[in-house]
Protein backbone atom coordinates (compact mmCIF):
# COMPACT_ATOMS: atom_id res chain seq x y z
CA UNK A 1 44.26 -6.66 -8.11
CA UNK A 2 42.19 -9.38 -6.83
CA UNK A 3 41.30 -6.39 -4.28
CA UNK A 4 40.47 -3.57 -7.20
CA UNK A 5 38.30 -6.29 -8.77
CA UNK A 6 36.32 -6.75 -5.57
CA UNK A 7 36.29 -3.11 -5.22
CA UNK A 8 35.13 -2.74 -8.56
CA UNK A 9 32.48 -5.40 -8.74
CA UNK A 10 30.80 -4.22 -5.10
CA UNK A 11 31.28 -0.57 -6.99
CA UNK A 12 28.92 -1.60 -9.42
CA UNK A 13 26.61 -3.09 -7.44
CA UNK A 14 25.96 -0.47 -5.48
CA UNK A 15 25.04 1.40 -8.71
CA UNK A 16 22.81 -1.08 -9.84
CA UNK A 17 21.43 -0.94 -6.66
CA UNK A 18 21.24 2.49 -6.77
CA UNK A 19 19.58 2.66 -10.38
CA UNK A 20 16.96 0.20 -9.31
CA UNK A 21 15.81 2.46 -6.49
CA UNK A 22 16.00 5.42 -8.38
CA UNK A 23 13.73 3.73 -11.42
CA UNK A 24 11.32 2.62 -8.85
CA UNK A 25 10.79 6.28 -7.41
CA UNK A 26 10.12 7.12 -10.91
CA UNK A 27 7.46 4.93 -11.43
CA UNK A 28 6.01 5.21 -8.16
CA UNK A 29 5.81 9.05 -8.95
CA UNK A 30 4.40 8.09 -12.27
CA UNK A 31 1.85 5.85 -10.91
CA UNK A 32 0.63 8.16 -8.52
CA UNK A 33 0.26 10.93 -10.97
CA UNK A 34 -1.54 8.99 -13.12
CA UNK A 35 -4.01 8.22 -10.48
CA UNK A 36 -4.58 11.60 -9.22
CA UNK A 37 -5.10 12.85 -12.58
CA UNK A 38 -7.57 10.20 -13.48
CA UNK A 39 -9.32 11.00 -9.87
CA UNK A 40 -9.45 15.00 -10.98
CA UNK A 41 -10.16 14.20 -14.41
CA UNK A 42 -13.60 11.97 -12.66
CA UNK A 43 -14.19 14.93 -10.51
CA UNK A 44 -14.20 17.63 -13.44
CA UNK A 45 -16.36 15.35 -15.45
CA UNK A 46 -19.02 14.95 -12.70
CA UNK A 47 -19.15 18.28 -12.06
CA UNK A 48 -19.45 19.35 -15.81
CA UNK A 49 -22.11 16.64 -16.31
CA UNK A 50 -24.04 18.03 -12.78
CA UNK A 51 -23.94 21.92 -14.67
CA UNK A 52 -25.12 20.86 -17.86
CA UNK A 53 -28.02 18.88 -16.04
CA UNK A 54 -28.90 22.04 -13.98
CA UNK A 55 -28.81 24.46 -16.85
CA UNK A 56 -30.89 21.91 -18.82
CA UNK A 57 -33.59 21.71 -16.10
CA UNK A 58 -33.47 25.59 -15.88
CA UNK A 59 -34.19 25.87 -19.54
CA UNK A 60 -37.10 23.27 -19.92
CA UNK A 61 -38.44 25.05 -16.94
CA UNK A 62 -38.14 28.56 -18.47
CA UNK A 63 -39.43 27.00 -21.54
CA UNK A 64 -42.74 25.55 -20.44
CA UNK A 65 -43.59 28.43 -17.87
CA UNK A 66 -46.63 30.20 -18.91
CA UNK A 67 -44.98 30.88 -22.73
CA UNK A 68 -47.21 31.39 -25.36
CA UNK A 69 -46.58 29.57 -28.61
CA UNK A 70 -46.40 32.21 -31.47
CA UNK A 71 -47.67 31.07 -34.76
CA UNK A 72 -47.14 32.09 -38.02
CA UNK A 73 -49.58 34.41 -39.89
CA UNK A 74 -50.92 32.99 -42.61
CA UNK A 75 -50.64 34.86 -45.90
CA UNK A 76 -52.96 34.53 -48.53
CA UNK A 77 -53.41 30.39 -50.16
CA UNK A 78 -53.67 31.61 -53.22
CA UNK A 79 -50.36 33.37 -53.19
CA UNK A 80 -47.05 31.58 -54.08
CA UNK A 81 -45.48 30.32 -50.88
CA UNK A 82 -42.02 32.41 -50.23
CA UNK A 83 -38.99 31.89 -48.04
CA UNK A 84 -39.87 32.93 -44.06
CA UNK A 85 -37.29 35.51 -44.31
CA UNK A 86 -39.39 37.21 -47.13
CA UNK A 87 -42.38 36.49 -45.14
CA UNK A 88 -40.91 38.17 -42.31
CA UNK A 89 -40.32 40.93 -44.80
CA UNK A 90 -43.72 41.37 -45.37
CA UNK A 91 -45.19 41.14 -42.06
CA UNK A 92 -42.68 44.18 -41.17
CA UNK A 93 -43.87 47.76 -41.80
CA UNK A 94 -41.36 49.41 -43.99
CA UNK A 95 -40.46 53.04 -42.85
CA UNK A 96 -39.56 55.09 -46.06
C-alpha cells in the first residue's frame, strides 16, 4: 500500500511538472506572438505614414506648379445673389 501511494504521488508530481512546462511554453509563444505582432504593426504603420507623406508632397507640388487660379465671373451686381450651381448653369450655354 505505501508503495502505491508513493507511486501515485510521484505520478502527480510528474503531471504537475509537465503541466507547468506546457503552460510556460504557451506563455512564451503568446509573448513572442505579441511582440512580433507589435513589430509588424509598427512597421506597417511607418510605411503607411511614409506613403501618406509622399502623396501629400506630390499633391502640393502638383497644386503649386504653374497652376492658374480660376476666379468666378461676376454677374450683375444689381441682381439678387444666387446659388453657385445656378450661377454655373447660367454661365454654360444651353443647347436646345
